[in-house]
Amino acid sequence: MVVKPSVCHWCVMARDDLHFRLRIPDELKTKIEAAAAKSRRSMTAEIVARLEEYEALELGEESLTSFVQRQQKEIDTLKRSGIKLPNGLWYRVDHAATRRQRSVQEEVVQALEQAYPAPVVPELDELGYYWYWKYADAAPEEREGVLKEANADLKSKGLEHEFWPGEPHENGTPTLKLGIRHFGPKADQQ
């Protein structure tokens, strides 16, 4: 079955949409009828909406079962951390994390860093560029050690911030991040 992206599943279905017979168990039909009534749409629109939601999960090669297991692990991790997110927010954060190939925790941290950026302090800029050049000049296998050294330097100065690797610059040069500040080959990066 082909679901047209232009189909508005909360509206009247178009006459030129594909028609076909579908055999389903009575119990499933009853569930779909109840869900359709609750969401105030036809059974067809309810089925199309659910198929579109499934498609929106962008599972790729991953099975729905492994997706659900992965979700449950992420939920368990957040529960242990004491963070509680409403279901709708959880799924939006997870969708964004999946698109960016991050864990939900990394996505939450990134969003919080953007919402509550480190203050722009000249000393931080100075340290950022100092450590950026050490990081960029280090061999790839040494960069993790440089990053640890940089973060230890921040702590020794009483600063409660942390560097982490940023996305490589378009020319392939590594970058460092400190909150929403990016340190890289261009002096005007923010």
N, C-alpha and C. Protein backbone atom coordinates (compact mmCIF):
# COMPACT_ATOMS: atom_id res chain seq x y z
N MET A 1 0.84 -1.18 0.00
CA MET A 1 0.00 0.00 0.00
C MET A 1 0.89 1.24 0.00
N VAL A 2 0.55 2.21 -0.80
CA VAL A 2 1.29 3.46 -0.87
C VAL A 2 0.47 4.52 -0.15
N VAL A 3 1.08 5.17 0.82
CA VAL A 3 0.41 6.26 1.52
C VAL A 3 0.95 7.55 0.95
N LYS A 4 0.08 8.35 0.39
CA LYS A 4 0.52 9.62 -0.20
C LYS A 4 0.84 10.61 0.90
N PRO A 5 2.01 11.26 0.82
CA PRO A 5 2.34 12.23 1.85
C PRO A 5 1.39 13.41 1.87
N SER A 6 0.68 13.65 0.75
CA SER A 6 -0.23 14.78 0.69
C SER A 6 -1.59 14.47 1.31
N VAL A 7 -1.82 13.19 1.67
CA VAL A 7 -3.10 12.83 2.27
C VAL A 7 -3.19 13.44 3.65
N CYS A 8 -4.26 14.11 3.89
CA CYS A 8 -4.50 14.75 5.19
C CYS A 8 -5.34 13.77 6.00
N HIS A 9 -4.72 13.02 6.93
CA HIS A 9 -5.43 11.94 7.60
C HIS A 9 -6.52 12.41 8.56
N TRP A 10 -6.64 13.68 8.79
CA TRP A 10 -7.73 14.16 9.63
C TRP A 10 -8.85 14.76 8.77
N CYS A 11 -8.65 14.73 7.45
CA CYS A 11 -9.63 15.28 6.53
C CYS A 11 -10.31 14.13 5.78
N VAL A 12 -11.15 14.48 4.84
CA VAL A 12 -11.82 13.50 4.01
C VAL A 12 -10.79 12.93 3.04
N MET A 13 -10.81 11.60 2.88
CA MET A 13 -9.88 10.96 1.96
C MET A 13 -10.27 11.31 0.53
N ALA A 14 -9.28 11.45 -0.33
CA ALA A 14 -9.52 11.79 -1.74
C ALA A 14 -10.05 10.57 -2.48
N ARG A 15 -10.87 10.80 -3.49
CA ARG A 15 -11.47 9.71 -4.28
C ARG A 15 -10.42 8.96 -5.10
N ASP A 16 -9.32 9.60 -5.44
CA ASP A 16 -8.32 8.93 -6.26
C ASP A 16 -7.30 8.15 -5.43
N ASP A 17 -7.48 8.11 -4.08
CA ASP A 17 -6.59 7.32 -3.24
C ASP A 17 -6.85 5.83 -3.48
N LEU A 18 -5.84 5.03 -3.27
CA LEU A 18 -5.91 3.59 -3.46
C LEU A 18 -7.00 2.97 -2.60
N HIS A 19 -7.79 2.10 -3.19
CA HIS A 19 -8.83 1.36 -2.47
C HIS A 19 -8.44 -0.11 -2.51
N PHE A 20 -8.60 -0.81 -1.40
CA PHE A 20 -8.35 -2.26 -1.38
C PHE A 20 -9.05 -2.87 -0.18
N ARG A 21 -9.25 -4.19 -0.24
CA ARG A 21 -9.88 -4.91 0.87
C ARG A 21 -8.78 -5.32 1.85
N LEU A 22 -9.14 -5.32 3.13
CA LEU A 22 -8.19 -5.68 4.17
C LEU A 22 -8.91 -6.57 5.17
N ARG A 23 -8.35 -7.73 5.43
CA ARG A 23 -8.92 -8.63 6.44
C ARG A 23 -8.16 -8.44 7.73
N ILE A 24 -8.90 -8.14 8.79
CA ILE A 24 -8.29 -7.98 10.10
C ILE A 24 -9.16 -8.69 11.13
N PRO A 25 -8.57 -9.16 12.22
CA PRO A 25 -9.36 -9.81 13.27
C PRO A 25 -10.38 -8.83 13.87
N ASP A 26 -11.51 -9.36 14.32
CA ASP A 26 -12.55 -8.52 14.91
C ASP A 26 -12.04 -7.67 16.07
N GLU A 27 -11.18 -8.28 16.90
CA GLU A 27 -10.65 -7.56 18.06
C GLU A 27 -9.86 -6.31 17.64
N LEU A 28 -9.05 -6.46 16.59
CA LEU A 28 -8.28 -5.32 16.08
C LEU A 28 -9.20 -4.27 15.47
N LYS A 29 -10.21 -4.74 14.75
CA LYS A 29 -11.18 -3.81 14.15
C LYS A 29 -11.86 -2.99 15.24
N THR A 30 -12.23 -3.64 16.34
CA THR A 30 -12.88 -2.94 17.45
C THR A 30 -11.96 -1.88 18.04
N LYS A 31 -10.67 -2.22 18.18
CA LYS A 31 -9.70 -1.26 18.71
C LYS A 31 -9.55 -0.07 17.78
N ILE A 32 -9.48 -0.33 16.48
CA ILE A 32 -9.34 0.76 15.50
C ILE A 32 -10.59 1.64 15.50
N GLU A 33 -11.77 1.03 15.59
CA GLU A 33 -13.01 1.81 15.65
C GLU A 33 -13.02 2.73 16.88
N ALA A 34 -12.62 2.18 18.02
CA ALA A 34 -12.60 2.97 19.25
C ALA A 34 -11.59 4.13 19.13
N ALA A 35 -10.41 3.83 18.60
CA ALA A 35 -9.39 4.87 18.45
C ALA A 35 -9.86 5.94 17.46
N ALA A 36 -10.51 5.50 16.37
CA ALA A 36 -11.02 6.45 15.37
C ALA A 36 -12.08 7.35 15.97
N ALA A 37 -12.98 6.77 16.76
CA ALA A 37 -14.03 7.57 17.40
C ALA A 37 -13.41 8.57 18.38
N LYS A 38 -12.43 8.11 19.14
CA LYS A 38 -11.78 8.99 20.12
C LYS A 38 -11.07 10.15 19.44
N SER A 39 -10.43 9.90 18.29
CA SER A 39 -9.70 10.96 17.60
C SER A 39 -10.57 11.67 16.55
N ARG A 40 -11.84 11.28 16.50
CA ARG A 40 -12.82 11.91 15.60
C ARG A 40 -12.40 11.83 14.12
N ARG A 41 -12.03 10.63 13.71
CA ARG A 41 -11.74 10.42 12.30
C ARG A 41 -12.28 9.07 11.86
N SER A 42 -12.31 8.85 10.58
CA SER A 42 -12.81 7.58 10.05
C SER A 42 -11.80 6.49 10.37
N MET A 43 -12.24 5.23 10.22
CA MET A 43 -11.32 4.12 10.44
C MET A 43 -10.16 4.19 9.44
N THR A 44 -10.47 4.53 8.21
CA THR A 44 -9.42 4.64 7.19
C THR A 44 -8.41 5.71 7.59
N ALA A 45 -8.91 6.86 8.00
CA ALA A 45 -8.01 7.94 8.41
C ALA A 45 -7.19 7.54 9.63
N GLU A 46 -7.79 6.77 10.54
CA GLU A 46 -7.06 6.29 11.72
C GLU A 46 -5.93 5.35 11.32
N ILE A 47 -6.21 4.44 10.40
CA ILE A 47 -5.19 3.50 9.93
C ILE A 47 -4.07 4.25 9.22
N VAL A 48 -4.44 5.21 8.35
CA VAL A 48 -3.44 5.99 7.63
C VAL A 48 -2.58 6.79 8.62
N ALA A 49 -3.22 7.39 9.62
CA ALA A 49 -2.47 8.17 10.62
C ALA A 49 -1.47 7.28 11.35
N ARG A 50 -1.88 6.09 11.71
CA ARG A 50 -0.98 5.18 12.43
C ARG A 50 0.16 4.72 11.53
N LEU A 51 -0.13 4.48 10.26
CA LEU A 51 0.94 4.10 9.33
C LEU A 51 1.93 5.25 9.14
N GLU A 52 1.41 6.48 9.06
CA GLU A 52 2.29 7.64 8.93
C GLU A 52 3.14 7.82 10.18
N GLU A 53 2.56 7.58 11.36
CA GLU A 53 3.33 7.68 12.60
C GLU A 53 4.43 6.62 12.62
N TYR A 54 4.12 5.42 12.18
CA TYR A 54 5.11 4.35 12.12
C TYR A 54 6.23 4.74 11.16
N GLU A 55 5.85 5.27 10.00
CA GLU A 55 6.83 5.70 9.00
C GLU A 55 7.71 6.82 9.56
N ALA A 56 7.11 7.72 10.36
CA ALA A 56 7.85 8.85 10.93
C ALA A 56 8.91 8.41 11.93
N LEU A 57 8.80 7.20 12.43
CA LEU A 57 9.82 6.71 13.38
C LEU A 57 11.17 6.55 12.71
N GLU A 58 11.18 6.47 11.38
CA GLU A 58 12.43 6.35 10.62
C GLU A 58 13.31 5.25 11.20
N LEU A 59 12.77 4.05 11.26
CA LEU A 59 13.49 2.93 11.85
C LEU A 59 14.63 2.42 10.98
N GLY A 60 14.57 2.68 9.68
CA GLY A 60 15.60 2.14 8.79
C GLY A 60 15.59 0.63 8.86
N GLU A 61 16.73 0.05 9.14
CA GLU A 61 16.86 -1.41 9.22
C GLU A 61 16.46 -1.94 10.60
N GLU A 62 16.28 -1.05 11.57
CA GLU A 62 15.96 -1.48 12.93
C GLU A 62 14.53 -2.00 13.01
N SER A 63 14.32 -3.09 13.71
CA SER A 63 12.97 -3.62 13.89
C SER A 63 12.23 -2.78 14.93
N LEU A 64 10.92 -2.83 14.89
CA LEU A 64 10.13 -2.09 15.87
C LEU A 64 10.44 -2.60 17.27
N THR A 65 10.63 -3.91 17.41
CA THR A 65 10.95 -4.49 18.72
C THR A 65 12.25 -3.92 19.28
N SER A 66 13.31 -3.88 18.46
CA SER A 66 14.57 -3.34 18.97
C SER A 66 14.46 -1.84 19.23
N PHE A 67 13.65 -1.13 18.42
CA PHE A 67 13.41 0.30 18.65
C PHE A 67 12.77 0.50 20.02
N VAL A 68 11.75 -0.29 20.32
CA VAL A 68 11.05 -0.18 21.61
C VAL A 68 12.00 -0.52 22.75
N GLN A 69 12.83 -1.57 22.58
CA GLN A 69 13.79 -1.93 23.61
C GLN A 69 14.80 -0.80 23.84
N ARG A 70 15.25 -0.17 22.75
CA ARG A 70 16.19 0.95 22.87
C ARG A 70 15.53 2.11 23.60
N GLN A 71 14.26 2.38 23.24
CA GLN A 71 13.51 3.44 23.91
C GLN A 71 13.42 3.16 25.41
N GLN A 72 13.13 1.90 25.75
CA GLN A 72 12.97 1.54 27.15
C GLN A 72 14.28 1.72 27.91
N LYS A 73 15.40 1.38 27.29
CA LYS A 73 16.70 1.59 27.94
C LYS A 73 16.93 3.07 28.20
N GLU A 74 16.60 3.92 27.20
CA GLU A 74 16.76 5.37 27.36
C GLU A 74 15.86 5.89 28.48
N ILE A 75 14.62 5.39 28.52
CA ILE A 75 13.67 5.82 29.56
C ILE A 75 14.21 5.41 30.93
N ASP A 76 14.71 4.17 31.03
CA ASP A 76 15.26 3.70 32.30
C ASP A 76 16.45 4.55 32.73
N THR A 77 17.31 4.92 31.79
CA THR A 77 18.46 5.77 32.10
C THR A 77 18.00 7.11 32.64
N LEU A 78 17.00 7.72 31.99
CA LEU A 78 16.50 9.01 32.46
C LEU A 78 15.82 8.87 33.82
N LYS A 79 15.09 7.78 34.04
CA LYS A 79 14.43 7.58 35.33
C LYS A 79 15.46 7.49 36.45
N ARG A 80 16.56 6.75 36.18
CA ARG A 80 17.61 6.64 37.19
C ARG A 80 18.24 8.00 37.47
N SER A 81 18.27 8.87 36.47
CA SER A 81 18.87 10.19 36.67
C SER A 81 17.92 11.13 37.40
N GLY A 82 16.67 10.73 37.54
CA GLY A 82 15.69 11.56 38.24
C GLY A 82 14.97 12.55 37.34
N ILE A 83 15.32 12.58 36.06
CA ILE A 83 14.66 13.50 35.12
C ILE A 83 13.38 12.86 34.63
N LYS A 84 12.29 13.61 34.70
CA LYS A 84 11.01 13.10 34.22
C LYS A 84 10.53 13.99 33.08
N LEU A 85 10.26 13.38 31.94
CA LEU A 85 9.77 14.11 30.78
C LEU A 85 8.37 13.61 30.44
N PRO A 86 7.45 14.51 30.10
CA PRO A 86 6.14 14.06 29.63
C PRO A 86 6.34 13.24 28.35
N ASN A 87 5.45 12.26 28.12
CA ASN A 87 5.60 11.37 26.96
C ASN A 87 5.78 12.12 25.65
N GLY A 88 4.95 13.12 25.38
CA GLY A 88 5.06 13.85 24.12
C GLY A 88 6.41 14.49 23.95
N LEU A 89 6.94 15.08 25.01
CA LEU A 89 8.27 15.69 24.97
C LEU A 89 9.34 14.62 24.79
N TRP A 90 9.17 13.51 25.50
CA TRP A 90 10.13 12.41 25.36
C TRP A 90 10.28 12.00 23.90
N TYR A 91 9.16 11.80 23.21
CA TYR A 91 9.22 11.34 21.83
C TYR A 91 9.80 12.40 20.90
N ARG A 92 9.52 13.68 21.15
CA ARG A 92 10.11 14.74 20.33
C ARG A 92 11.63 14.79 20.53
N VAL A 93 12.07 14.68 21.78
CA VAL A 93 13.51 14.68 22.07
C VAL A 93 14.16 13.46 21.44
N ASP A 94 13.52 12.30 21.57
CA ASP A 94 14.09 11.08 20.99
C ASP A 94 14.18 11.19 19.48
N HIS A 95 13.15 11.77 18.85
CA HIS A 95 13.17 11.91 17.39
C HIS A 95 14.33 12.81 16.97
N ALA A 96 14.52 13.92 17.68
CA ALA A 96 15.64 14.82 17.37
C ALA A 96 16.98 14.13 17.60
N ALA A 97 17.08 13.36 18.68
CA ALA A 97 18.33 12.64 18.98
C ALA A 97 18.63 11.61 17.90
N THR A 98 17.61 10.90 17.45
CA THR A 98 17.79 9.89 16.40
C THR A 98 18.27 10.54 15.11
N ARG A 99 17.66 11.69 14.74
CA ARG A 99 18.08 12.39 13.53
C ARG A 99 19.53 12.83 13.61
N ARG A 100 19.95 13.24 14.80
CA ARG A 100 21.32 13.75 14.98
C ARG A 100 22.30 12.66 15.40
N GLN A 101 21.81 11.43 15.50
CA GLN A 101 22.62 10.27 15.88
C GLN A 101 23.28 10.48 17.24
N ARG A 102 22.44 10.88 18.21
CA ARG A 102 22.88 11.06 19.60
C ARG A 102 21.99 10.23 20.49
N SER A 103 22.42 10.06 21.75
CA SER A 103 21.52 9.45 22.74
C SER A 103 20.56 10.55 23.21
N VAL A 104 19.49 10.15 23.86
CA VAL A 104 18.54 11.13 24.38
C VAL A 104 19.23 12.01 25.42
N GLN A 105 20.08 11.41 26.23
CA GLN A 105 20.79 12.19 27.25
C GLN A 105 21.65 13.26 26.59
N GLU A 106 22.38 12.91 25.53
CA GLU A 106 23.21 13.90 24.83
C GLU A 106 22.34 15.00 24.23
N GLU A 107 21.17 14.62 23.71
CA GLU A 107 20.27 15.61 23.12
C GLU A 107 19.74 16.57 24.18
N VAL A 108 19.38 16.04 25.36
CA VAL A 108 18.89 16.88 26.45
C VAL A 108 19.99 17.83 26.92
N VAL A 109 21.20 17.31 27.08
CA VAL A 109 22.32 18.16 27.52
C VAL A 109 22.56 19.27 26.51
N GLN A 110 22.56 18.93 25.22
CA GLN A 110 22.79 19.93 24.18
C GLN A 110 21.70 21.01 24.22
N ALA A 111 20.45 20.58 24.36
CA ALA A 111 19.34 21.55 24.42
C ALA A 111 19.48 22.46 25.63
N LEU A 112 19.87 21.89 26.77
CA LEU A 112 20.05 22.70 27.97
C LEU A 112 21.24 23.66 27.82
N GLU A 113 22.30 23.18 27.18
CA GLU A 113 23.46 24.06 26.94
C GLU A 113 23.05 25.25 26.07
N GLN A 114 22.18 24.99 25.08
CA GLN A 114 21.75 26.10 24.22
C GLN A 114 20.79 27.03 24.94
N ALA A 115 19.94 26.45 25.80
CA ALA A 115 18.98 27.28 26.53
C ALA A 115 19.65 28.08 27.64
N TYR A 116 20.68 27.50 28.24
CA TYR A 116 21.38 28.14 29.35
C TYR A 116 22.88 28.18 29.03
N PRO A 117 23.26 29.04 28.09
CA PRO A 117 24.67 29.05 27.65
C PRO A 117 25.61 29.55 28.74
N ALA A 118 26.84 29.08 28.62
CA ALA A 118 27.88 29.59 29.51
C ALA A 118 28.01 31.08 29.25
N PRO A 119 28.23 31.86 30.30
CA PRO A 119 28.37 33.29 30.08
C PRO A 119 29.58 33.60 29.20
N VAL A 120 29.45 34.64 28.41
CA VAL A 120 30.57 35.05 27.56
C VAL A 120 31.51 35.83 28.46
N VAL A 121 32.60 35.19 28.76
CA VAL A 121 33.60 35.77 29.65
C VAL A 121 34.91 35.80 28.86
N PRO A 122 35.55 36.96 28.75
CA PRO A 122 36.80 37.02 27.98
C PRO A 122 37.79 35.92 28.36
N GLU A 123 37.86 35.60 29.66
CA GLU A 123 38.79 34.55 30.10
C GLU A 123 38.44 33.21 29.45
N LEU A 124 37.13 32.93 29.30
CA LEU A 124 36.71 31.68 28.67
C LEU A 124 37.10 31.66 27.19
N ASP A 125 36.95 32.81 26.52
CA ASP A 125 37.35 32.87 25.12
C ASP A 125 38.85 32.63 24.98
N GLU A 126 39.61 33.25 25.86
CA GLU A 126 41.06 33.10 25.84
C GLU A 126 41.45 31.63 26.05
N LEU A 127 40.85 31.02 27.07
CA LEU A 127 41.13 29.61 27.35
C LEU A 127 40.64 28.72 26.21
N GLY A 128 39.48 29.07 25.66
CA GLY A 128 38.92 28.27 24.56
C GLY A 128 39.85 28.20 23.37
N TYR A 129 40.38 29.34 22.96
CA TYR A 129 41.27 29.33 21.80
C TYR A 129 42.62 28.70 22.15
N TYR A 130 43.07 28.92 23.37
CA TYR A 130 44.33 28.29 23.79
C TYR A 130 44.21 26.76 23.67
N TRP A 131 43.13 26.23 24.27
CA TRP A 131 42.97 24.77 24.25
C TRP A 131 42.55 24.28 22.87
N TYR A 132 41.86 25.10 22.10
CA TYR A 132 41.51 24.67 20.73
C TYR A 132 42.78 24.39 19.93
N TRP A 133 43.74 25.31 19.99
CA TRP A 133 44.96 25.11 19.20
C TRP A 133 45.74 23.89 19.67
N LYS A 134 45.79 23.65 20.97
CA LYS A 134 46.47 22.45 21.48
C LYS A 134 45.73 21.20 20.98
N TYR A 135 44.41 21.27 21.00
CA TYR A 135 43.58 20.13 20.57
C TYR A 135 43.75 19.88 19.07
N ALA A 136 43.68 20.94 18.29
CA ALA A 136 43.77 20.81 16.83
C ALA A 136 45.16 20.34 16.40
N ASP A 137 46.19 20.77 17.12
CA ASP A 137 47.56 20.38 16.76
C ASP A 137 47.92 18.97 17.21
N ALA A 138 47.15 18.42 18.15
CA ALA A 138 47.45 17.08 18.67
C ALA A 138 47.09 16.01 17.63
N ALA A 139 47.79 14.91 17.67
CA ALA A 139 47.45 13.77 16.81
C ALA A 139 46.06 13.26 17.24
N PRO A 140 45.29 12.73 16.30
CA PRO A 140 43.93 12.28 16.65
C PRO A 140 43.87 11.37 17.87
N GLU A 141 44.84 10.48 18.03
CA GLU A 141 44.81 9.56 19.17
C GLU A 141 45.18 10.25 20.48
N GLU A 142 45.71 11.47 20.43
CA GLU A 142 46.10 12.21 21.63
C GLU A 142 45.03 13.22 22.04
N ARG A 143 44.04 13.44 21.21
CA ARG A 143 43.06 14.51 21.47
C ARG A 143 42.24 14.27 22.72
N GLU A 144 41.91 13.03 23.02
CA GLU A 144 41.13 12.75 24.23
C GLU A 144 41.91 13.18 25.47
N GLY A 145 43.20 12.92 25.47
CA GLY A 145 44.05 13.35 26.59
C GLY A 145 44.11 14.86 26.71
N VAL A 146 44.19 15.56 25.56
CA VAL A 146 44.22 17.02 25.57
C VAL A 146 42.90 17.56 26.12
N LEU A 147 41.80 16.91 25.73
CA LEU A 147 40.48 17.33 26.21
C LEU A 147 40.39 17.18 27.74
N LYS A 148 40.89 16.08 28.27
CA LYS A 148 40.88 15.87 29.72
C LYS A 148 41.74 16.94 30.41
N GLU A 149 42.88 17.23 29.82
CA GLU A 149 43.78 18.25 30.37
C GLU A 149 43.09 19.63 30.36
N ALA A 150 42.40 19.94 29.27
CA ALA A 150 41.69 21.22 29.14
C ALA A 150 40.61 21.34 30.20
N ASN A 151 39.84 20.27 30.41
CA ASN A 151 38.77 20.31 31.41
C ASN A 151 39.32 20.39 32.82
N ALA A 152 40.45 19.74 33.06
CA ALA A 152 41.10 19.84 34.37
C ALA A 152 41.57 21.28 34.60
N ASP A 153 42.04 21.93 33.54
CA ASP A 153 42.48 23.33 33.64
C ASP A 153 41.30 24.23 34.01
N LEU A 154 40.16 24.00 33.38
CA LEU A 154 38.96 24.79 33.71
C LEU A 154 38.61 24.62 35.18
N LYS A 155 38.60 23.36 35.65
CA LYS A 155 38.26 23.09 37.05
C LYS A 155 39.25 23.75 38.00
N SER A 156 40.54 23.70 37.65
CA SER A 156 41.56 24.28 38.53
C SER A 156 41.40 25.79 38.66
N LYS A 157 40.77 26.40 37.65
CA LYS A 157 40.53 27.85 37.68
C LYS A 157 39.17 28.17 38.31
N GLY A 158 38.49 27.13 38.83
CA GLY A 158 37.20 27.33 39.50
C GLY A 158 36.04 27.54 38.54
N LEU A 159 36.22 27.17 37.28
CA LEU A 159 35.16 27.33 36.28
C LEU A 159 34.37 26.03 36.14
N GLU A 160 33.07 26.12 36.25
CA GLU A 160 32.23 24.92 36.18
C GLU A 160 31.71 24.70 34.76
N HIS A 161 32.60 24.65 33.82
CA HIS A 161 32.25 24.43 32.42
C HIS A 161 33.07 23.26 31.92
N GLU A 162 32.71 22.74 30.75
CA GLU A 162 33.43 21.62 30.19
C GLU A 162 33.55 21.76 28.68
N PHE A 163 34.72 21.48 28.16
CA PHE A 163 34.92 21.41 26.71
C PHE A 163 34.46 20.04 26.22
N TRP A 164 33.98 19.98 25.00
CA TRP A 164 33.75 18.70 24.34
C TRP A 164 33.98 18.90 22.85
N PRO A 165 34.29 17.81 22.15
CA PRO A 165 34.57 17.95 20.72
C PRO A 165 33.34 18.44 19.96
N GLY A 166 33.54 19.39 19.07
CA GLY A 166 32.45 19.86 18.22
C GLY A 166 32.50 19.15 16.88
N GLU A 167 31.57 19.48 16.01
CA GLU A 167 31.59 18.93 14.66
C GLU A 167 32.82 19.46 13.95
N PRO A 168 33.50 18.62 13.17
CA PRO A 168 34.67 19.13 12.44
C PRO A 168 34.30 20.29 11.53
N HIS A 169 35.21 21.22 11.37
CA HIS A 169 35.02 22.35 10.47
C HIS A 169 34.88 21.82 9.05
N GLU A 170 34.32 22.62 8.15
CA GLU A 170 34.13 22.17 6.76
C GLU A 170 35.44 21.74 6.09
N ASN A 171 36.56 22.27 6.57
CA ASN A 171 37.85 21.87 6.00
C ASN A 171 38.44 20.64 6.71
N GLY A 172 37.66 20.04 7.64
CA GLY A 172 38.11 18.83 8.33
C GLY A 172 38.83 19.08 9.63
N THR A 173 39.11 20.34 9.94
CA THR A 173 39.81 20.67 11.19
C THR A 173 38.87 20.41 12.36
N PRO A 174 39.39 19.79 13.44
CA PRO A 174 38.53 19.56 14.60
C PRO A 174 38.17 20.88 15.28
N THR A 175 37.08 20.87 16.02
CA THR A 175 36.66 22.05 16.77
C THR A 175 36.38 21.65 18.21
N LEU A 176 36.33 22.63 19.09
CA LEU A 176 35.96 22.41 20.49
C LEU A 176 34.73 23.23 20.79
N LYS A 177 33.92 22.74 21.72
CA LYS A 177 32.74 23.47 22.17
C LYS A 177 32.83 23.69 23.66
N LEU A 178 32.30 24.81 24.08
CA LEU A 178 32.19 25.16 25.49
C LEU A 178 30.83 25.83 25.61
N GLY A 179 29.83 25.10 26.08
CA GLY A 179 28.46 25.63 26.05
C GLY A 179 28.07 25.80 24.59
N ILE A 180 27.57 26.96 24.23
CA ILE A 180 27.23 27.19 22.82
C ILE A 180 28.38 27.84 22.07
N ARG A 181 29.49 28.09 22.73
CA ARG A 181 30.66 28.68 22.07
C ARG A 181 31.41 27.61 21.30
N HIS A 182 31.78 27.90 20.08
CA HIS A 182 32.55 27.00 19.23
C HIS A 182 33.93 27.61 19.02
N PHE A 183 34.95 26.81 19.18
CA PHE A 183 36.30 27.27 18.94
C PHE A 183 36.87 26.46 17.78
N GLY A 184 37.20 27.16 16.72
CA GLY A 184 37.69 26.48 15.53
C GLY A 184 38.54 27.42 14.70
N PRO A 185 38.78 27.04 13.44
CA PRO A 185 39.69 27.83 12.60
C PRO A 185 39.20 29.23 12.27
N LYS A 186 37.90 29.50 12.35
CA LYS A 186 37.40 30.84 12.05
C LYS A 186 37.25 31.62 13.34
N ALA A 187 37.86 32.76 13.43
CA ALA A 187 37.79 33.57 14.66
C ALA A 187 36.40 34.09 14.93
N ASP A 188 35.53 34.16 13.90
CA ASP A 188 34.19 34.73 14.10
C ASP A 188 33.15 33.67 14.43
N GLN A 189 33.55 32.41 14.68
CA GLN A 189 32.55 31.39 15.02
C GLN A 189 31.95 31.65 16.37
N GLN A 190 30.65 31.41 16.49
CA GLN A 190 29.97 31.52 17.78
C GLN A 190 29.08 30.34 17.97
